[in-house]
Amino acid sequence: QVQLVESGGGLVQSGGSLRLSCAASGTISNINTMAWYRQTPRQRESVAVVTSGGSTNYADSVQGRFTISRDSAKNTVYLEMNNLKPEDTAVYYCKVTTFYQRAYWGQGTQVTVSS
């Protein structure tokens, strides 16, 4: 059974930084993309994604402030978040997709940015 365990969320002041981690455990192989999404009461949006080849893509709203990275040997993905803004407040989820199009989601971690 595959499980994604997220950590690193919390409360931070505007302009501050946080680093999220998501580690995949269990029998999982052939990971293609690893990504972060966030959920607000209004919507769920893709924040950042990194492919198996190391290519990255970011939402316009976080470009230049967030950095996604992965450690494929550890099946772990990270999200470094700098210059946080109140509008970044959300529940952040990681998602792992294999080359066989099987997708796994983490349980979510709350990020709250105070003004």
C-alpha atoms as a PDB file:
ATOM      1  CA  GLN A   1       0.000   0.000   0.000  1.00  0.00           C
ATOM      2  CA  VAL A   2       1.348   3.379  -1.019  1.00  0.00           C
ATOM      3  CA  GLN A   3       1.196   6.269   1.408  1.00  0.00           C
ATOM      4  CA  LEU A   4       2.273   9.868   0.955  1.00  0.00           C
ATOM      5  CA  VAL A   5       3.212  11.638   4.167  1.00  0.00           C
ATOM      6  CA  GLU A   6       3.449  15.411   4.130  1.00  0.00           C
ATOM      7  CA  SER A   7       5.090  17.659   6.670  1.00  0.00           C
ATOM      8  CA  GLY A   8       6.293  21.224   7.113  1.00  0.00           C
ATOM      9  CA  GLY A   9       3.071  23.215   7.146  1.00  0.00           C
ATOM     10  CA  GLY A  10       2.234  25.753   9.808  1.00  0.00           C
ATOM     11  CA  LEU A  11       1.592  29.383  10.639  1.00  0.00           C
ATOM     12  CA  VAL A  12       3.943  32.058   9.347  1.00  0.00           C
ATOM     13  CA  GLN A  13       3.872  35.816   8.981  1.00  0.00           C
ATOM     14  CA  SER A  14       3.645  37.508   5.622  1.00  0.00           C
ATOM     15  CA  GLY A  15       7.086  37.553   3.998  1.00  0.00           C
ATOM     16  CA  GLY A  16       8.183  34.434   5.811  1.00  0.00           C
ATOM     17  CA  SER A  17       9.233  31.028   4.517  1.00  0.00           C
ATOM     18  CA  LEU A  18       8.225  27.408   4.890  1.00  0.00           C
ATOM     19  CA  ARG A  19       9.465  24.151   3.437  1.00  0.00           C
ATOM     20  CA  LEU A  20       7.045  21.326   2.719  1.00  0.00           C
ATOM     21  CA  SER A  21       8.092  17.707   2.333  1.00  0.00           C
ATOM     22  CA  CYS A  22       6.217  14.723   0.967  1.00  0.00           C
ATOM     23  CA  ALA A  23       7.631  11.229   1.255  1.00  0.00           C
ATOM     24  CA  ALA A  24       6.137   8.241  -0.541  1.00  0.00           C
ATOM     25  CA  SER A  25       6.296   4.927   1.266  1.00  0.00           C
ATOM     26  CA  GLY A  26       5.230   1.465   0.292  1.00  0.00           C
ATOM     27  CA  THR A  27       5.621  -0.310  -3.012  1.00  0.00           C
ATOM     28  CA  ILE A  28       5.808   2.432  -5.583  1.00  0.00           C
ATOM     29  CA  SER A  29       7.958   2.530  -8.670  1.00  0.00           C
ATOM     30  CA  ASN A  30       8.158   4.208 -12.029  1.00  0.00           C
ATOM     31  CA  ILE A  31       7.307   7.609 -10.620  1.00  0.00           C
ATOM     32  CA  ASN A  32       6.876  10.163 -13.377  1.00  0.00           C
ATOM     33  CA  THR A  33       5.703  13.484 -12.019  1.00  0.00           C
ATOM     34  CA  MET A  34       5.635  14.792  -8.464  1.00  0.00           C
ATOM     35  CA  ALA A  35       3.531  17.844  -7.780  1.00  0.00           C
ATOM     36  CA  TRP A  36       2.035  20.156  -5.187  1.00  0.00           C
ATOM     37  CA  TYR A  37      -1.543  21.409  -5.260  1.00  0.00           C
ATOM     38  CA  ARG A  38      -3.383  23.671  -2.881  1.00  0.00           C
ATOM     39  CA  GLN A  39      -7.009  23.799  -1.848  1.00  0.00           C
ATOM     40  CA  THR A  40      -8.878  26.877  -0.695  1.00  0.00           C
ATOM     41  CA  PRO A  41     -12.634  27.149  -0.032  1.00  0.00           C
ATOM     42  CA  ARG A  42     -12.961  28.388  -3.604  1.00  0.00           C
ATOM     43  CA  GLN A  43     -10.752  26.096  -5.636  1.00  0.00           C
ATOM     44  CA  ARG A  44      -7.973  23.538  -5.957  1.00  0.00           C
ATOM     45  CA  GLU A  45      -5.057  24.671  -8.075  1.00  0.00           C
ATOM     46  CA  SER A  46      -1.792  23.211  -9.256  1.00  0.00           C
ATOM     47  CA  VAL A  47       1.118  25.006  -7.600  1.00  0.00           C
ATOM     48  CA  ALA A  48       4.207  23.293  -8.987  1.00  0.00           C
ATOM     49  CA  VAL A  49       5.257  20.103 -10.732  1.00  0.00           C
ATOM     50  CA  VAL A  50       8.575  18.371 -11.375  1.00  0.00           C
ATOM     51  CA  THR A  51       9.040  15.579 -13.900  1.00  0.00           C
ATOM     52  CA  SER A  52      11.293  12.561 -13.709  1.00  0.00           C
ATOM     53  CA  GLY A  53      13.705  14.435 -15.951  1.00  0.00           C
ATOM     54  CA  GLY A  54      13.846  17.403 -13.616  1.00  0.00           C
ATOM     55  CA  SER A  55      11.729  19.827 -15.598  1.00  0.00           C
ATOM     56  CA  THR A  56       9.608  22.126 -13.483  1.00  0.00           C
ATOM     57  CA  ASN A  57       6.517  24.207 -13.973  1.00  0.00           C
ATOM     58  CA  TYR A  58       4.877  26.718 -11.647  1.00  0.00           C
ATOM     59  CA  ALA A  59       1.626  28.570 -11.291  1.00  0.00           C
ATOM     60  CA  ASP A  60       1.997  32.217 -12.214  1.00  0.00           C
ATOM     61  CA  SER A  61       1.018  33.215  -8.691  1.00  0.00           C
ATOM     62  CA  VAL A  62       4.043  31.496  -7.131  1.00  0.00           C
ATOM     63  CA  GLN A  63       6.638  31.878  -9.895  1.00  0.00           C
ATOM     64  CA  GLY A  64       9.852  33.291  -8.460  1.00  0.00           C
ATOM     65  CA  ARG A  65       8.819  32.632  -4.842  1.00  0.00           C
ATOM     66  CA  PHE A  66       8.368  28.844  -4.677  1.00  0.00           C
ATOM     67  CA  THR A  67      10.837  26.134  -5.668  1.00  0.00           C
ATOM     68  CA  ILE A  68       9.940  22.486  -6.185  1.00  0.00           C
ATOM     69  CA  SER A  69      12.573  19.762  -6.010  1.00  0.00           C
ATOM     70  CA  ARG A  70      12.690  16.010  -5.677  1.00  0.00           C
ATOM     71  CA  ASP A  71      14.942  13.305  -4.325  1.00  0.00           C
ATOM     72  CA  SER A  72      14.089  10.332  -6.509  1.00  0.00           C
ATOM     73  CA  ALA A  73      16.201   7.950  -4.438  1.00  0.00           C
ATOM     74  CA  LYS A  74      14.002   8.769  -1.435  1.00  0.00           C
ATOM     75  CA  ASN A  75      10.732   9.154  -3.382  1.00  0.00           C
ATOM     76  CA  THR A  76      10.414  12.558  -1.788  1.00  0.00           C
ATOM     77  CA  VAL A  77       9.302  15.908  -3.156  1.00  0.00           C
ATOM     78  CA  TYR A  78       9.872  19.296  -1.537  1.00  0.00           C
ATOM     79  CA  LEU A  79       8.351  22.730  -1.883  1.00  0.00           C
ATOM     80  CA  GLU A  80      10.414  25.668  -0.704  1.00  0.00           C
ATOM     81  CA  MET A  81       8.108  28.653  -0.205  1.00  0.00           C
ATOM     82  CA  ASN A  82       9.577  32.122   0.237  1.00  0.00           C
ATOM     83  CA  ASN A  83       8.052  35.587   0.558  1.00  0.00           C
ATOM     84  CA  LEU A  84       4.755  34.043   1.569  1.00  0.00           C
ATOM     85  CA  LYS A  85       1.584  36.093   1.208  1.00  0.00           C
ATOM     86  CA  PRO A  86      -1.808  35.784   2.929  1.00  0.00           C
ATOM     87  CA  GLU A  87      -3.279  34.560  -0.360  1.00  0.00           C
ATOM     88  CA  ASP A  88      -0.976  31.526  -0.146  1.00  0.00           C
ATOM     89  CA  THR A  89      -3.050  30.301   2.793  1.00  0.00           C
ATOM     90  CA  ALA A  90      -4.450  26.882   1.872  1.00  0.00           C
ATOM     91  CA  VAL A  91      -4.223  23.168   2.468  1.00  0.00           C
ATOM     92  CA  TYR A  92      -1.308  21.895   0.412  1.00  0.00           C
ATOM     93  CA  TYR A  93      -1.395  18.404  -1.092  1.00  0.00           C
ATOM     94  CA  CYS A  94       1.293  16.433  -2.848  1.00  0.00           C
ATOM     95  CA  LYS A  95       0.496  14.202  -5.790  1.00  0.00           C
ATOM     96  CA  VAL A  96       2.632  11.482  -7.318  1.00  0.00           C
ATOM     97  CA  THR A  97       1.873  10.036 -10.740  1.00  0.00           C
ATOM     98  CA  THR A  98       3.515   6.959 -12.197  1.00  0.00           C
ATOM     99  CA  PHE A  99       4.320   6.225 -15.817  1.00  0.00           C
ATOM    100  CA  TYR A 100       1.288   3.906 -15.751  1.00  0.00           C
ATOM    101  CA  GLN A 101      -0.921   6.920 -14.944  1.00  0.00           C
ATOM    102  CA  ARG A 102      -1.580   5.767 -11.403  1.00  0.00           C
ATOM    103  CA  ALA A 103      -1.967   8.777  -9.096  1.00  0.00           C
ATOM    104  CA  TYR A 104      -1.505   9.014  -5.329  1.00  0.00           C
ATOM    105  CA  TRP A 105      -2.370  11.921  -3.043  1.00  0.00           C
ATOM    106  CA  GLY A 106      -1.129  12.972   0.353  1.00  0.00           C
ATOM    107  CA  GLN A 107      -3.404  13.818   3.253  1.00  0.00           C
ATOM    108  CA  GLY A 108      -2.739  17.545   3.088  1.00  0.00           C
ATOM    109  CA  THR A 109      -0.923  20.013   5.309  1.00  0.00           C
ATOM    110  CA  GLN A 110      -2.241  23.415   6.365  1.00  0.00           C
ATOM    111  CA  VAL A 111      -0.292  26.536   5.525  1.00  0.00           C
ATOM    112  CA  THR A 112      -1.537  29.772   7.076  1.00  0.00           C
ATOM    113  CA  VAL A 113       0.051  33.128   6.321  1.00  0.00           C
ATOM    114  CA  SER A 114      -0.900  36.019   8.572  1.00  0.00           C
ATOM    115  CA  SER A 115      -0.781  39.620   7.419  1.00  0.00           C
END
